[in-house]
């Protein structure tokens, strides 16, 4: 393989790896946001929190 081709190959592999990584992160992030919305539909300050959500807050830290 010529130096140019190997450089191109490295770039493509790096790019596709980054893309997969980014997709994984973003899908997990959106799932997490959905979970947060379901567990805490109202803002923390306003809602009086039950014991179970206080326990969840400890796990979240």
PDB file of N, CA and C in Angstrom:
ATOM      1  N   UNK A   1       0.842  -1.207   0.000  1.00  0.00           N
ATOM      2  CA  UNK A   1       0.000   0.000   0.000  1.00  0.00           C
ATOM      3  C   UNK A   1       0.872   1.251   0.000  1.00  0.00           C
ATOM      4  N   UNK A   2       0.483   2.197  -0.799  1.00  0.00           N
ATOM      5  CA  UNK A   2       1.225   3.460  -0.824  1.00  0.00           C
ATOM      6  C   UNK A   2       0.926   4.265   0.446  1.00  0.00           C
ATOM      7  N   UNK A   3       1.814   5.177   0.820  1.00  0.00           N
ATOM      8  CA  UNK A   3       1.589   5.987   2.030  1.00  0.00           C
ATOM      9  C   UNK A   3       0.251   6.738   1.998  1.00  0.00           C
ATOM     10  N   UNK A   4      -0.094   7.241   0.802  1.00  0.00           N
ATOM     11  CA  UNK A   4      -1.349   7.986   0.676  1.00  0.00           C
ATOM     12  C   UNK A   4      -2.544   7.087   0.993  1.00  0.00           C
ATOM     13  N   UNK A   5      -2.534   5.880   0.440  1.00  0.00           N
ATOM     14  CA  UNK A   5      -3.648   4.954   0.645  1.00  0.00           C
ATOM     15  C   UNK A   5      -3.772   4.545   2.113  1.00  0.00           C
ATOM     16  N   UNK A   6      -2.640   4.302   2.751  1.00  0.00           N
ATOM     17  CA  UNK A   6      -2.696   3.905   4.160  1.00  0.00           C
ATOM     18  C   UNK A   6      -3.216   5.061   5.023  1.00  0.00           C
ATOM     19  N   UNK A   7      -2.819   6.287   4.654  1.00  0.00           N
ATOM     20  CA  UNK A   7      -3.298   7.475   5.365  1.00  0.00           C
ATOM     21  C   UNK A   7      -4.815   7.594   5.220  1.00  0.00           C
ATOM     22  N   UNK A   8      -5.289   7.404   3.994  1.00  0.00           N
ATOM     23  CA  UNK A   8      -6.721   7.477   3.706  1.00  0.00           C
ATOM     24  C   UNK A   8      -7.474   6.408   4.501  1.00  0.00           C
ATOM     25  N   UNK A   9      -6.929   5.209   4.493  1.00  0.00           N
ATOM     26  CA  UNK A   9      -7.549   4.092   5.210  1.00  0.00           C
ATOM     27  C   UNK A   9      -7.677   4.403   6.707  1.00  0.00           C
ATOM     28  N   UNK A  10      -6.590   4.921   7.284  1.00  0.00           N
ATOM     29  CA  UNK A  10      -6.591   5.283   8.708  1.00  0.00           C
ATOM     30  C   UNK A  10      -7.661   6.326   8.995  1.00  0.00           C
ATOM     31  N   UNK A  11      -7.747   7.330   8.105  1.00  0.00           N
ATOM     32  CA  UNK A  11      -8.728   8.401   8.279  1.00  0.00           C
ATOM     33  C   UNK A  11     -10.149   7.849   8.253  1.00  0.00           C
ATOM     34  N   UNK A  12     -10.425   6.983   7.284  1.00  0.00           N
ATOM     35  CA  UNK A  12     -11.767   6.409   7.145  1.00  0.00           C
ATOM     36  C   UNK A  12     -12.127   5.573   8.372  1.00  0.00           C
ATOM     37  N   UNK A  13     -11.185   4.754   8.826  1.00  0.00           N
ATOM     38  CA  UNK A  13     -11.435   3.904   9.995  1.00  0.00           C
ATOM     39  C   UNK A  13     -11.702   4.767  11.229  1.00  0.00           C
ATOM     40  N   UNK A  14     -10.868   5.798  11.412  1.00  0.00           N
ATOM     41  CA  UNK A  14     -11.040   6.697  12.553  1.00  0.00           C
ATOM     42  C   UNK A  14     -12.402   7.373  12.498  1.00  0.00           C
ATOM     43  N   UNK A  15     -12.764   7.862  11.310  1.00  0.00           N
ATOM     44  CA  UNK A  15     -14.035   8.563  11.136  1.00  0.00           C
ATOM     45  C   UNK A  15     -15.209   7.652  11.466  1.00  0.00           C
ATOM     46  N   UNK A  16     -15.191   6.424  10.936  1.00  0.00           N
ATOM     47  CA  UNK A  16     -16.325   5.524  11.162  1.00  0.00           C
ATOM     48  C   UNK A  16     -16.421   5.117  12.634  1.00  0.00           C
ATOM     49  N   UNK A  17     -15.257   4.952  13.278  1.00  0.00           N
ATOM     50  CA  UNK A  17     -15.254   4.627  14.704  1.00  0.00           C
ATOM     51  C   UNK A  17     -15.871   5.765  15.506  1.00  0.00           C
ATOM     52  N   UNK A  18     -15.446   6.993  15.200  1.00  0.00           N
ATOM     53  CA  UNK A  18     -15.970   8.165  15.890  1.00  0.00           C
ATOM     54  C   UNK A  18     -17.471   8.283  15.682  1.00  0.00           C
ATOM     55  N   UNK A  19     -17.913   8.024  14.444  1.00  0.00           N
ATOM     56  CA  UNK A  19     -19.327   8.139  14.124  1.00  0.00           C
ATOM     57  C   UNK A  19     -20.147   7.138  14.933  1.00  0.00           C
ATOM     58  N   UNK A  20     -19.669   5.890  14.997  1.00  0.00           N
ATOM     59  CA  UNK A  20     -20.364   4.860  15.780  1.00  0.00           C
ATOM     60  C   UNK A  20     -20.416   5.255  17.248  1.00  0.00           C
ATOM     61  N   UNK A  21     -19.291   5.734  17.750  1.00  0.00           N
ATOM     62  CA  UNK A  21     -19.193   6.152  19.146  1.00  0.00           C
ATOM     63  C   UNK A  21     -20.183   7.275  19.429  1.00  0.00           C
ATOM     64  N   UNK A  22     -20.226   8.262  18.528  1.00  0.00           N
ATOM     65  CA  UNK A  22     -21.118   9.403  18.697  1.00  0.00           C
ATOM     66  C   UNK A  22     -22.576   8.962  18.688  1.00  0.00           C
ATOM     67  N   UNK A  23     -22.924   8.072  17.754  1.00  0.00           N
ATOM     68  CA  UNK A  23     -24.301   7.573  17.671  1.00  0.00           C
ATOM     69  C   UNK A  23     -24.690   6.843  18.952  1.00  0.00           C
ATOM     70  N   UNK A  24     -23.761   6.036  19.462  1.00  0.00           N
ATOM     71  CA  UNK A  24     -24.011   5.299  20.698  1.00  0.00           C
ATOM     72  C   UNK A  24     -24.269   6.267  21.849  1.00  0.00           C
ATOM     73  N   UNK A  25     -23.390   7.259  21.987  1.00  0.00           N
ATOM     74  CA  UNK A  25     -23.513   8.241  23.066  1.00  0.00           C
ATOM     75  C   UNK A  25     -24.835   8.999  22.950  1.00  0.00           C
ATOM     76  N   UNK A  26     -25.145   9.490  21.740  1.00  0.00           N
ATOM     77  CA  UNK A  26     -26.336  10.321  21.584  1.00  0.00           C
ATOM     78  C   UNK A  26     -27.613   9.525  21.824  1.00  0.00           C
ATOM     79  N   UNK A  27     -27.653   8.263  21.374  1.00  0.00           N
ATOM     80  CA  UNK A  27     -28.868   7.475  21.598  1.00  0.00           C
ATOM     81  C   UNK A  27     -29.038   7.180  23.088  1.00  0.00           C
ATOM     82  N   UNK A  28     -27.935   6.889  23.773  1.00  0.00           N
ATOM     83  CA  UNK A  28     -28.013   6.669  25.218  1.00  0.00           C
ATOM     84  C   UNK A  28     -28.456   7.934  25.929  1.00  0.00           C
ATOM     85  N   UNK A  29     -27.947   9.091  25.464  1.00  0.00           N
ATOM     86  CA  UNK A  29     -28.299  10.366  26.081  1.00  0.00           C
ATOM     87  C   UNK A  29     -29.794  10.631  25.947  1.00  0.00           C
ATOM     88  N   UNK A  30     -30.326  10.411  24.756  1.00  0.00           N
ATOM     89  CA  UNK A  30     -31.751  10.666  24.556  1.00  0.00           C
ATOM     90  C   UNK A  30     -32.601   9.689  25.354  1.00  0.00           C
ATOM     91  N   UNK A  31     -32.170   8.443  25.457  1.00  0.00           N
ATOM     92  CA  UNK A  31     -32.892   7.475  26.288  1.00  0.00           C
ATOM     93  C   UNK A  31     -32.884   7.930  27.742  1.00  0.00           C
ATOM     94  N   UNK A  32     -31.742   8.415  28.199  1.00  0.00           N
ATOM     95  CA  UNK A  32     -31.613   8.874  29.582  1.00  0.00           C
ATOM     96  C   UNK A  32     -32.520  10.071  29.833  1.00  0.00           C
ATOM     97  N   UNK A  33     -32.580  11.006  28.862  1.00  0.00           N
ATOM     98  CA  UNK A  33     -33.464  12.158  28.992  1.00  0.00           C
ATOM     99  C   UNK A  33     -34.911  11.702  29.105  1.00  0.00           C
ATOM    100  N   UNK A  34     -35.301  10.714  28.302  1.00  0.00           N
ATOM    101  CA  UNK A  34     -36.657  10.173  28.351  1.00  0.00           C
ATOM    102  C   UNK A  34     -36.961   9.571  29.710  1.00  0.00           C
ATOM    103  N   UNK A  35     -35.995   8.837  30.253  1.00  0.00           N
ATOM    104  CA  UNK A  35     -36.169   8.227  31.574  1.00  0.00           C
ATOM    105  C   UNK A  35     -36.331   9.328  32.619  1.00  0.00           C
ATOM    106  N   UNK A  36     -35.506  10.360  32.542  1.00  0.00           N
ATOM    107  CA  UNK A  36     -35.576  11.460  33.507  1.00  0.00           C
ATOM    108  C   UNK A  36     -36.941  12.139  33.455  1.00  0.00           C
ATOM    109  N   UNK A  37     -37.446  12.353  32.237  1.00  0.00           N
ATOM    110  CA  UNK A  37     -38.758  12.986  32.095  1.00  0.00           C
ATOM    111  C   UNK A  37     -39.854  12.125  32.703  1.00  0.00           C
ATOM    112  N   UNK A  38     -39.743  10.801  32.544  1.00  0.00           N
ATOM    113  CA  UNK A  38     -40.759   9.911  33.113  1.00  0.00           C
ATOM    114  C   UNK A  38     -40.697   9.869  34.635  1.00  0.00           C
ATOM    115  N   UNK A  39     -39.480   9.877  35.178  1.00  0.00           N
ATOM    116  CA  UNK A  39     -39.334   9.760  36.629  1.00  0.00           C
ATOM    117  C   UNK A  39     -39.645  11.090  37.307  1.00  0.00           C
ATOM    118  N   UNK A  40     -39.168  12.177  36.721  1.00  0.00           N
ATOM    119  CA  UNK A  40     -39.394  13.504  37.297  1.00  0.00           C
ATOM    120  C   UNK A  40     -40.117  14.382  36.284  1.00  0.00           C
ATOM    121  N   UNK A  41     -41.454  14.278  36.193  1.00  0.00           N
ATOM    122  CA  UNK A  41     -42.165  15.080  35.198  1.00  0.00           C
ATOM    123  C   UNK A  41     -42.141  16.572  35.525  1.00  0.00           C
ATOM    124  N   UNK A  42     -42.054  16.929  36.807  1.00  0.00           N
ATOM    125  CA  UNK A  42     -42.030  18.343  37.195  1.00  0.00           C
ATOM    126  C   UNK A  42     -40.638  18.717  37.683  1.00  0.00           C
ATOM    127  N   UNK A  43     -40.281  19.997  37.659  1.00  0.00           N
ATOM    128  CA  UNK A  43     -38.967  20.423  38.153  1.00  0.00           C
ATOM    129  C   UNK A  43     -38.756  20.033  39.619  1.00  0.00           C
ATOM    130  N   UNK A  44     -37.510  19.766  39.963  1.00  0.00           N
ATOM    131  CA  UNK A  44     -37.178  19.282  41.303  1.00  0.00           C
ATOM    132  C   UNK A  44     -37.599  20.252  42.389  1.00  0.00           C
ATOM    133  N   UNK A  45     -37.401  21.541  42.161  1.00  0.00           N
ATOM    134  CA  UNK A  45     -37.601  22.531  43.213  1.00  0.00           C
ATOM    135  C   UNK A  45     -39.079  22.613  43.584  1.00  0.00           C
ATOM    136  N   UNK A  46     -39.946  22.536  42.578  1.00  0.00           N
ATOM    137  CA  UNK A  46     -41.376  22.708  42.802  1.00  0.00           C
ATOM    138  C   UNK A  46     -41.983  21.476  43.472  1.00  0.00           C
ATOM    139  N   UNK A  47     -41.641  20.283  42.961  1.00  0.00           N
ATOM    140  CA  UNK A  47     -42.336  19.080  43.422  1.00  0.00           C
ATOM    141  C   UNK A  47     -41.813  18.637  44.785  1.00  0.00           C
ATOM    142  N   UNK A  48     -42.704  18.359  45.729  1.00  0.00           N
ATOM    143  CA  UNK A  48     -42.267  17.712  46.971  1.00  0.00           C
ATOM    144  C   UNK A  48     -41.884  16.284  46.636  1.00  0.00           C
ATOM    145  N   UNK A  49     -40.657  15.901  46.943  1.00  0.00           N
ATOM    146  CA  UNK A  49     -40.172  14.610  46.456  1.00  0.00           C
ATOM    147  C   UNK A  49     -40.453  13.496  47.452  1.00  0.00           C
ATOM    148  N   UNK A  50     -40.990  12.383  46.975  1.00  0.00           N
ATOM    149  CA  UNK A  50     -41.160  11.212  47.847  1.00  0.00           C
ATOM    150  C   UNK A  50     -39.818  10.547  48.148  1.00  0.00           C
ATOM    151  N   UNK A  51     -39.823   9.619  49.090  1.00  0.00           N
ATOM    152  CA  UNK A  51     -38.582   8.950  49.504  1.00  0.00           C
ATOM    153  C   UNK A  51     -37.887   8.235  48.347  1.00  0.00           C
ATOM    154  N   UNK A  52     -38.680   7.622  47.479  1.00  0.00           N
ATOM    155  CA  UNK A  52     -38.086   6.832  46.394  1.00  0.00           C
ATOM    156  C   UNK A  52     -37.244   7.707  45.469  1.00  0.00           C
ATOM    157  N   UNK A  53     -37.709   8.930  45.190  1.00  0.00           N
ATOM    158  CA  UNK A  53     -36.941   9.776  44.280  1.00  0.00           C
ATOM    159  C   UNK A  53     -35.703  10.333  44.976  1.00  0.00           C
ATOM    160  N   UNK A  54     -35.744  10.480  46.297  1.00  0.00           N
ATOM    161  CA  UNK A  54     -34.530  10.874  47.015  1.00  0.00           C
ATOM    162  C   UNK A  54     -33.464   9.789  46.876  1.00  0.00           C
ATOM    163  N   UNK A  55     -33.888   8.521  46.955  1.00  0.00           N
ATOM    164  CA  UNK A  55     -32.951   7.410  46.762  1.00  0.00           C
ATOM    165  C   UNK A  55     -32.376   7.433  45.349  1.00  0.00           C
ATOM    166  N   UNK A  56     -33.235   7.722  44.374  1.00  0.00           N
ATOM    167  CA  UNK A  56     -32.774   7.801  42.985  1.00  0.00           C
ATOM    168  C   UNK A  56     -31.726   8.887  42.821  1.00  0.00           C
ATOM    169  N   UNK A  57     -31.913  10.022  43.503  1.00  0.00           N
ATOM    170  CA  UNK A  57     -30.947  11.117  43.421  1.00  0.00           C
ATOM    171  C   UNK A  57     -29.581  10.675  43.922  1.00  0.00           C
ATOM    172  N   UNK A  58     -29.555   9.865  44.951  1.00  0.00           N
ATOM    173  CA  UNK A  58     -28.275   9.371  45.470  1.00  0.00           C
ATOM    174  C   UNK A  58     -27.580   8.526  44.406  1.00  0.00           C
ATOM    175  N   UNK A  59     -28.350   7.669  43.724  1.00  0.00           N
ATOM    176  CA  UNK A  59     -27.750   6.836  42.681  1.00  0.00           C
ATOM    177  C   UNK A  59     -27.269   7.665  41.508  1.00  0.00           C
ATOM    178  N   UNK A  60     -27.953   8.786  41.245  1.00  0.00           N
ATOM    179  CA  UNK A  60     -27.591   9.607  40.084  1.00  0.00           C
ATOM    180  C   UNK A  60     -26.276  10.340  40.280  1.00  0.00           C
ATOM    181  N   UNK A  61     -25.907  10.655  41.525  1.00  0.00           N
ATOM    182  CA  UNK A  61     -24.708  11.464  41.770  1.00  0.00           C
ATOM    183  C   UNK A  61     -23.430  10.760  41.321  1.00  0.00           C
TER     184      UNK A  61
END
